[in-house]
Structure formats: C-alpha cells, structure tokens
Amino acid sequence: MTEPTPYEAMGGHPTFVRLVRRFYQGVAADPVLRPMYPEQDLGPAEERLRMFLEQYWGGLHTYSEQRGHPRLRLRHAPFAVSPQARDRWLAHMKVAVDEAGLPAELEQRLWGYLTTAAFGMVNTFDEEAGTGG
C-alpha cells in the first residue's frame, strides 16, 4: 500500500477548487492585483492556478497537458510583479489557505511553497508598477 500524495492528503480536487476560488475572491476586489488580469472573467485564471497547484502537489497533469511546462517566471514576465503585488497576493492566498482546514503539517508545506514561489515572481521593485495607473 502506497502513501497518499500530498494532493490526496489535502483532500484532492475539492480542496484545490475551494482554495483557489477563495483566493480569487480576494483578487477580484484588489486594486493592485486585479488590473494584472487582462481577462474580464477571472474564471480562466482560476482554472489555470488550480490545475497548476493540483499537478504540483501530485494530482493529474492536466496543466502540462493543456499548457506545457509551467515556466512560472517566464509566464509572469509580462506582468510587473512588485514586492507590494507579491505581498497582496500572499495576503489573499493566506486567507484561502487558512480557510482550507488542512492538517497543520500540510498547511505549513503548502504555505512554504506558496511563499517561496511568490518571492520568486518579483521582477520589479517599482512599487507603482502593476497598479493599473
């Protein structure tokens, strides 16, 4: 018998749907982050992030099958990701992670990954960048 993947231990698809949906509820009203999403409907962005996180944590490889290699920094290069944008992204994600109700060890692993990834996306130190004006 094999040990469950982190994806399975976190609750699988329903957990990631709730996590990402809650995150984008915060993004939708955020004056710094919302302008960084060119689509009127955040649904496609929500789906991409959910698929990516599911794949990363051991779920289906739907993200790579549909979009290729994640290449996170390259995919985020067109957007001015400042420390302020990073911090706001993390604040919305923290709410979502806290509400996910994960076991402490898995929550810590997830939060550690998200924090590291968010810091790695910063590509400008111009705090006016990405604010939509």
N, C-alpha and C. Protein backbone atom coordinates (compact mmCIF):
# COMPACT_ATOMS: atom_id res chain seq x y z
N MET A 1 0.84 -1.18 0.00
CA MET A 1 0.00 0.00 0.00
C MET A 1 0.89 1.25 0.00
N THR A 2 0.60 2.16 -0.90
CA THR A 2 1.42 3.36 -1.01
C THR A 2 0.83 4.49 -0.19
N GLU A 3 1.72 5.38 0.21
CA GLU A 3 1.30 6.56 0.96
C GLU A 3 0.57 7.52 0.01
N PRO A 4 -0.44 8.22 0.51
CA PRO A 4 -1.14 9.16 -0.38
C PRO A 4 -0.21 10.32 -0.78
N THR A 5 -0.46 10.85 -1.95
CA THR A 5 0.27 12.04 -2.38
C THR A 5 -0.19 13.22 -1.52
N PRO A 6 0.59 14.30 -1.46
CA PRO A 6 0.10 15.48 -0.75
C PRO A 6 -1.26 15.93 -1.29
N TYR A 7 -1.44 15.83 -2.60
CA TYR A 7 -2.71 16.19 -3.22
C TYR A 7 -3.86 15.40 -2.60
N GLU A 8 -3.68 14.10 -2.50
CA GLU A 8 -4.71 13.25 -1.90
C GLU A 8 -4.90 13.57 -0.42
N ALA A 9 -3.79 13.73 0.30
CA ALA A 9 -3.86 14.01 1.74
C ALA A 9 -4.53 15.36 2.02
N MET A 10 -4.41 16.30 1.09
CA MET A 10 -5.03 17.62 1.25
C MET A 10 -6.52 17.59 0.95
N GLY A 11 -7.00 16.51 0.38
CA GLY A 11 -8.43 16.41 0.06
C GLY A 11 -8.72 16.41 -1.42
N GLY A 12 -7.68 16.40 -2.24
CA GLY A 12 -7.86 16.31 -3.69
C GLY A 12 -8.54 17.50 -4.32
N HIS A 13 -9.17 17.24 -5.44
CA HIS A 13 -9.76 18.28 -6.27
C HIS A 13 -10.68 19.25 -5.51
N PRO A 14 -11.60 18.77 -4.66
CA PRO A 14 -12.48 19.72 -3.97
C PRO A 14 -11.72 20.75 -3.13
N THR A 15 -10.64 20.32 -2.49
CA THR A 15 -9.85 21.25 -1.67
C THR A 15 -9.22 22.32 -2.53
N PHE A 16 -8.66 21.93 -3.67
CA PHE A 16 -7.99 22.91 -4.52
C PHE A 16 -8.99 23.84 -5.19
N VAL A 17 -10.18 23.35 -5.50
CA VAL A 17 -11.23 24.22 -6.03
C VAL A 17 -11.57 25.29 -4.99
N ARG A 18 -11.80 24.89 -3.74
CA ARG A 18 -12.14 25.86 -2.68
C ARG A 18 -10.99 26.85 -2.44
N LEU A 19 -9.77 26.33 -2.38
CA LEU A 19 -8.61 27.17 -2.12
C LEU A 19 -8.46 28.26 -3.17
N VAL A 20 -8.49 27.86 -4.41
CA VAL A 20 -8.26 28.82 -5.50
C VAL A 20 -9.46 29.75 -5.67
N ARG A 21 -10.66 29.24 -5.48
CA ARG A 21 -11.85 30.10 -5.58
C ARG A 21 -11.79 31.20 -4.52
N ARG A 22 -11.43 30.81 -3.30
CA ARG A 22 -11.35 31.80 -2.20
C ARG A 22 -10.26 32.82 -2.49
N PHE A 23 -9.13 32.37 -3.00
CA PHE A 23 -8.04 33.27 -3.36
C PHE A 23 -8.53 34.32 -4.37
N TYR A 24 -9.19 33.88 -5.43
CA TYR A 24 -9.62 34.81 -6.47
C TYR A 24 -10.76 35.71 -6.02
N GLN A 25 -11.49 35.34 -4.98
CA GLN A 25 -12.47 36.27 -4.42
C GLN A 25 -11.75 37.50 -3.89
N GLY A 26 -10.60 37.30 -3.28
CA GLY A 26 -9.81 38.44 -2.80
C GLY A 26 -9.20 39.23 -3.94
N VAL A 27 -8.68 38.54 -4.92
CA VAL A 27 -8.05 39.20 -6.07
C VAL A 27 -9.06 40.08 -6.81
N ALA A 28 -10.28 39.60 -6.93
CA ALA A 28 -11.31 40.31 -7.70
C ALA A 28 -11.52 41.75 -7.21
N ALA A 29 -11.34 41.97 -5.92
CA ALA A 29 -11.57 43.30 -5.35
C ALA A 29 -10.27 44.04 -5.03
N ASP A 30 -9.15 43.49 -5.42
CA ASP A 30 -7.86 44.09 -5.06
C ASP A 30 -7.42 45.10 -6.12
N PRO A 31 -7.22 46.37 -5.74
CA PRO A 31 -6.87 47.40 -6.72
C PRO A 31 -5.47 47.25 -7.31
N VAL A 32 -4.59 46.52 -6.67
CA VAL A 32 -3.25 46.29 -7.22
C VAL A 32 -3.23 45.05 -8.12
N LEU A 33 -3.84 43.98 -7.66
CA LEU A 33 -3.77 42.72 -8.39
C LEU A 33 -4.76 42.61 -9.54
N ARG A 34 -5.96 43.10 -9.37
CA ARG A 34 -6.99 42.88 -10.40
C ARG A 34 -6.58 43.40 -11.77
N PRO A 35 -5.93 44.57 -11.86
CA PRO A 35 -5.53 45.06 -13.18
C PRO A 35 -4.48 44.17 -13.87
N MET A 36 -3.85 43.28 -13.14
CA MET A 36 -2.84 42.41 -13.74
C MET A 36 -3.48 41.24 -14.51
N TYR A 37 -4.78 41.08 -14.38
CA TYR A 37 -5.50 40.01 -15.07
C TYR A 37 -6.26 40.62 -16.25
N PRO A 38 -5.79 40.38 -17.47
CA PRO A 38 -6.41 41.03 -18.63
C PRO A 38 -7.83 40.54 -18.92
N GLU A 39 -8.17 39.34 -18.49
CA GLU A 39 -9.49 38.80 -18.77
C GLU A 39 -10.53 39.45 -17.86
N GLN A 40 -11.69 39.76 -18.43
CA GLN A 40 -12.79 40.30 -17.64
C GLN A 40 -13.23 39.29 -16.59
N ASP A 41 -13.31 38.04 -17.00
CA ASP A 41 -13.74 36.93 -16.14
C ASP A 41 -12.49 36.28 -15.55
N LEU A 42 -12.41 36.19 -14.24
CA LEU A 42 -11.25 35.56 -13.59
C LEU A 42 -11.33 34.03 -13.63
N GLY A 43 -12.41 33.49 -14.14
CA GLY A 43 -12.58 32.03 -14.21
C GLY A 43 -11.43 31.30 -14.88
N PRO A 44 -10.97 31.75 -16.05
CA PRO A 44 -9.85 31.06 -16.69
C PRO A 44 -8.55 31.12 -15.86
N ALA A 45 -8.29 32.24 -15.21
CA ALA A 45 -7.10 32.34 -14.34
C ALA A 45 -7.25 31.39 -13.16
N GLU A 46 -8.45 31.32 -12.62
CA GLU A 46 -8.73 30.42 -11.50
C GLU A 46 -8.47 28.97 -11.92
N GLU A 47 -8.93 28.61 -13.10
CA GLU A 47 -8.73 27.24 -13.58
C GLU A 47 -7.24 26.93 -13.79
N ARG A 48 -6.50 27.88 -14.34
CA ARG A 48 -5.07 27.65 -14.58
C ARG A 48 -4.32 27.45 -13.27
N LEU A 49 -4.59 28.31 -12.28
CA LEU A 49 -3.90 28.17 -10.99
C LEU A 49 -4.30 26.86 -10.31
N ARG A 50 -5.57 26.53 -10.36
CA ARG A 50 -6.00 25.27 -9.74
C ARG A 50 -5.31 24.08 -10.38
N MET A 51 -5.30 24.03 -11.71
CA MET A 51 -4.65 22.92 -12.40
C MET A 51 -3.16 22.85 -12.07
N PHE A 52 -2.51 24.02 -12.03
CA PHE A 52 -1.09 24.04 -11.70
C PHE A 52 -0.85 23.49 -10.30
N LEU A 53 -1.60 23.99 -9.31
CA LEU A 53 -1.40 23.53 -7.93
C LEU A 53 -1.72 22.05 -7.78
N GLU A 54 -2.78 21.60 -8.43
CA GLU A 54 -3.11 20.18 -8.35
C GLU A 54 -1.97 19.33 -8.90
N GLN A 55 -1.43 19.72 -10.02
CA GLN A 55 -0.33 18.97 -10.62
C GLN A 55 0.90 19.01 -9.72
N TYR A 56 1.24 20.18 -9.23
CA TYR A 56 2.43 20.33 -8.39
C TYR A 56 2.37 19.43 -7.16
N TRP A 57 1.18 19.31 -6.57
CA TRP A 57 1.03 18.55 -5.33
C TRP A 57 0.69 17.08 -5.55
N GLY A 58 0.73 16.62 -6.79
CA GLY A 58 0.59 15.19 -7.04
C GLY A 58 -0.71 14.76 -7.67
N GLY A 59 -1.50 15.70 -8.15
CA GLY A 59 -2.75 15.37 -8.84
C GLY A 59 -2.51 15.12 -10.32
N LEU A 60 -3.56 15.22 -11.08
CA LEU A 60 -3.47 15.00 -12.53
C LEU A 60 -2.52 16.00 -13.18
N HIS A 61 -1.99 15.64 -14.32
CA HIS A 61 -1.07 16.51 -15.07
C HIS A 61 -1.80 17.33 -16.12
N THR A 62 -3.02 17.70 -15.81
CA THR A 62 -3.85 18.44 -16.75
C THR A 62 -3.20 19.76 -17.15
N TYR A 63 -2.55 20.43 -16.20
CA TYR A 63 -1.92 21.71 -16.52
C TYR A 63 -0.91 21.53 -17.66
N SER A 64 0.03 20.61 -17.49
CA SER A 64 1.06 20.40 -18.51
C SER A 64 0.48 19.90 -19.82
N GLU A 65 -0.54 19.05 -19.74
CA GLU A 65 -1.17 18.54 -20.96
C GLU A 65 -1.81 19.67 -21.76
N GLN A 66 -2.39 20.65 -21.08
CA GLN A 66 -3.07 21.74 -21.76
C GLN A 66 -2.16 22.93 -22.07
N ARG A 67 -1.17 23.17 -21.21
CA ARG A 67 -0.40 24.41 -21.31
C ARG A 67 1.10 24.22 -21.46
N GLY A 68 1.57 22.99 -21.36
CA GLY A 68 3.01 22.74 -21.43
C GLY A 68 3.66 22.93 -20.08
N HIS A 69 4.98 23.03 -20.09
CA HIS A 69 5.75 23.20 -18.86
C HIS A 69 5.31 24.49 -18.16
N PRO A 70 5.19 24.45 -16.82
CA PRO A 70 4.71 25.65 -16.10
C PRO A 70 5.54 26.92 -16.32
N ARG A 71 6.86 26.84 -16.34
CA ARG A 71 7.72 28.02 -16.56
C ARG A 71 7.18 29.26 -15.86
N LEU A 72 7.04 29.18 -14.55
CA LEU A 72 6.37 30.24 -13.80
C LEU A 72 6.96 31.63 -14.03
N ARG A 73 8.26 31.77 -13.92
CA ARG A 73 8.84 33.12 -14.09
C ARG A 73 8.61 33.64 -15.51
N LEU A 74 8.77 32.79 -16.48
CA LEU A 74 8.56 33.21 -17.87
C LEU A 74 7.10 33.61 -18.11
N ARG A 75 6.17 32.84 -17.59
CA ARG A 75 4.75 33.17 -17.78
C ARG A 75 4.35 34.46 -17.07
N HIS A 76 5.05 34.80 -16.00
CA HIS A 76 4.72 36.02 -15.26
C HIS A 76 5.55 37.22 -15.71
N ALA A 77 6.53 37.02 -16.59
CA ALA A 77 7.40 38.11 -17.04
C ALA A 77 6.66 39.30 -17.65
N PRO A 78 5.56 39.10 -18.38
CA PRO A 78 4.87 40.26 -18.96
C PRO A 78 4.22 41.17 -17.91
N PHE A 79 4.11 40.70 -16.68
CA PHE A 79 3.45 41.47 -15.63
C PHE A 79 4.48 42.03 -14.68
N ALA A 80 4.30 43.29 -14.28
CA ALA A 80 5.20 43.92 -13.32
C ALA A 80 4.80 43.44 -11.93
N VAL A 81 5.55 42.49 -11.41
CA VAL A 81 5.26 41.92 -10.09
C VAL A 81 6.23 42.56 -9.09
N SER A 82 5.70 43.50 -8.33
CA SER A 82 6.48 44.24 -7.34
C SER A 82 6.37 43.55 -5.98
N PRO A 83 7.21 43.94 -5.04
CA PRO A 83 7.03 43.41 -3.68
C PRO A 83 5.63 43.68 -3.13
N GLN A 84 5.05 44.84 -3.46
CA GLN A 84 3.70 45.14 -3.00
C GLN A 84 2.70 44.14 -3.59
N ALA A 85 2.81 43.88 -4.88
CA ALA A 85 1.91 42.91 -5.53
C ALA A 85 2.11 41.52 -4.92
N ARG A 86 3.35 41.14 -4.68
CA ARG A 86 3.64 39.86 -4.05
C ARG A 86 2.97 39.76 -2.68
N ASP A 87 3.11 40.82 -1.90
CA ASP A 87 2.55 40.80 -0.54
C ASP A 87 1.03 40.74 -0.56
N ARG A 88 0.42 41.41 -1.52
CA ARG A 88 -1.05 41.37 -1.63
C ARG A 88 -1.50 39.99 -2.10
N TRP A 89 -0.74 39.40 -3.03
CA TRP A 89 -1.03 38.04 -3.49
C TRP A 89 -0.96 37.08 -2.31
N LEU A 90 0.09 37.21 -1.52
CA LEU A 90 0.25 36.33 -0.36
C LEU A 90 -0.85 36.56 0.68
N ALA A 91 -1.28 37.79 0.86
CA ALA A 91 -2.33 38.07 1.84
C ALA A 91 -3.63 37.37 1.44
N HIS A 92 -3.99 37.43 0.17
CA HIS A 92 -5.21 36.76 -0.29
C HIS A 92 -5.05 35.24 -0.22
N MET A 93 -3.86 34.77 -0.56
CA MET A 93 -3.63 33.33 -0.51
C MET A 93 -3.62 32.83 0.93
N LYS A 94 -3.15 33.64 1.87
CA LYS A 94 -3.13 33.24 3.28
C LYS A 94 -4.56 33.03 3.79
N VAL A 95 -5.46 33.91 3.42
CA VAL A 95 -6.87 33.74 3.80
C VAL A 95 -7.38 32.41 3.25
N ALA A 96 -7.09 32.14 1.99
CA ALA A 96 -7.57 30.91 1.36
C ALA A 96 -6.97 29.67 2.03
N VAL A 97 -5.69 29.72 2.33
CA VAL A 97 -5.03 28.58 2.99
C VAL A 97 -5.59 28.38 4.39
N ASP A 98 -5.75 29.47 5.12
CA ASP A 98 -6.29 29.37 6.48
C ASP A 98 -7.69 28.75 6.49
N GLU A 99 -8.49 29.10 5.50
CA GLU A 99 -9.86 28.60 5.43
C GLU A 99 -9.96 27.18 4.87
N ALA A 100 -8.87 26.67 4.31
CA ALA A 100 -8.90 25.34 3.69
C ALA A 100 -9.02 24.22 4.72
N GLY A 101 -8.64 24.49 5.96
CA GLY A 101 -8.77 23.49 7.00
C GLY A 101 -7.85 22.29 6.85
N LEU A 102 -6.66 22.53 6.34
CA LEU A 102 -5.69 21.44 6.14
C LEU A 102 -5.04 21.04 7.46
N PRO A 103 -4.58 19.79 7.56
CA PRO A 103 -3.75 19.41 8.71
C PRO A 103 -2.53 20.33 8.78
N ALA A 104 -2.08 20.62 9.98
CA ALA A 104 -1.02 21.61 10.20
C ALA A 104 0.22 21.35 9.35
N GLU A 105 0.68 20.11 9.28
CA GLU A 105 1.90 19.81 8.53
C GLU A 105 1.72 20.10 7.05
N LEU A 106 0.57 19.74 6.50
CA LEU A 106 0.31 20.02 5.08
C LEU A 106 0.12 21.50 4.83
N GLU A 107 -0.54 22.18 5.76
CA GLU A 107 -0.71 23.63 5.62
C GLU A 107 0.65 24.32 5.60
N GLN A 108 1.55 23.91 6.47
CA GLN A 108 2.89 24.50 6.51
C GLN A 108 3.65 24.24 5.21
N ARG A 109 3.55 23.03 4.69
CA ARG A 109 4.23 22.71 3.42
C ARG A 109 3.67 23.55 2.28
N LEU A 110 2.34 23.64 2.21
CA LEU A 110 1.70 24.42 1.16
C LEU A 110 2.09 25.89 1.28
N TRP A 111 2.00 26.43 2.49
CA TRP A 111 2.30 27.85 2.69
C TRP A 111 3.78 28.13 2.39
N GLY A 112 4.66 27.23 2.78
CA GLY A 112 6.08 27.40 2.47
C GLY A 112 6.32 27.47 0.97
N TYR A 113 5.68 26.58 0.23
CA TYR A 113 5.83 26.59 -1.22
C TYR A 113 5.29 27.88 -1.82
N LEU A 114 4.08 28.26 -1.42
CA LEU A 114 3.45 29.46 -1.97
C LEU A 114 4.28 30.71 -1.68
N THR A 115 4.83 30.79 -0.49
CA THR A 115 5.66 31.94 -0.13
C THR A 115 6.92 31.99 -0.99
N THR A 116 7.59 30.85 -1.12
CA THR A 116 8.81 30.80 -1.94
C THR A 116 8.49 31.16 -3.38
N ALA A 117 7.41 30.60 -3.91
CA ALA A 117 7.04 30.88 -5.29
C ALA A 117 6.72 32.37 -5.49
N ALA A 118 5.98 32.95 -4.55
CA ALA A 118 5.61 34.37 -4.66
C ALA A 118 6.84 35.26 -4.65
N PHE A 119 7.79 34.97 -3.79
CA PHE A 119 9.02 35.77 -3.75
C PHE A 119 9.79 35.62 -5.05
N GLY A 120 9.73 34.45 -5.66
CA GLY A 120 10.42 34.21 -6.91
C GLY A 120 9.80 34.90 -8.11
N MET A 121 8.57 35.36 -8.00
CA MET A 121 7.89 36.01 -9.12
C MET A 121 8.19 37.50 -9.20
N VAL A 122 8.74 38.08 -8.14
CA VAL A 122 9.04 39.52 -8.15
C VAL A 122 10.03 39.81 -9.28
N ASN A 123 9.66 40.76 -10.13
CA ASN A 123 10.52 41.11 -11.26
C ASN A 123 10.72 42.62 -11.42
N THR A 124 10.20 43.39 -10.45
CA THR A 124 10.43 44.83 -10.44
C THR A 124 10.34 45.32 -8.99
N PHE A 125 11.08 46.37 -8.72
CA PHE A 125 10.98 46.97 -7.39
C PHE A 125 10.34 48.34 -7.48
N ASP A 126 9.72 48.61 -8.63
CA ASP A 126 8.94 49.83 -8.84
C ASP A 126 7.57 49.60 -8.25
N GLU A 127 7.28 50.22 -7.11
CA GLU A 127 6.01 49.98 -6.42
C GLU A 127 4.81 50.52 -7.18
N GLU A 128 5.03 51.38 -8.15
CA GLU A 128 3.91 51.88 -8.95
C GLU A 128 3.56 50.89 -10.07
N ALA A 129 4.46 49.96 -10.35
CA ALA A 129 4.22 49.00 -11.42
C ALA A 129 3.07 48.09 -11.07
N GLY A 130 2.29 47.76 -12.04
CA GLY A 130 1.21 46.80 -11.86
C GLY A 130 0.01 47.35 -11.11
N THR A 131 -0.03 48.65 -10.82
CA THR A 131 -1.16 49.19 -10.07
C THR A 131 -2.29 49.65 -10.98
N GLY A 132 -2.08 49.55 -12.26
CA GLY A 132 -3.14 49.96 -13.16
C GLY A 132 -3.21 51.47 -13.36
N GLY A 133 -2.20 52.17 -12.88
CA GLY A 133 -2.23 53.61 -13.15
C GLY A 133 -1.44 54.40 -12.23
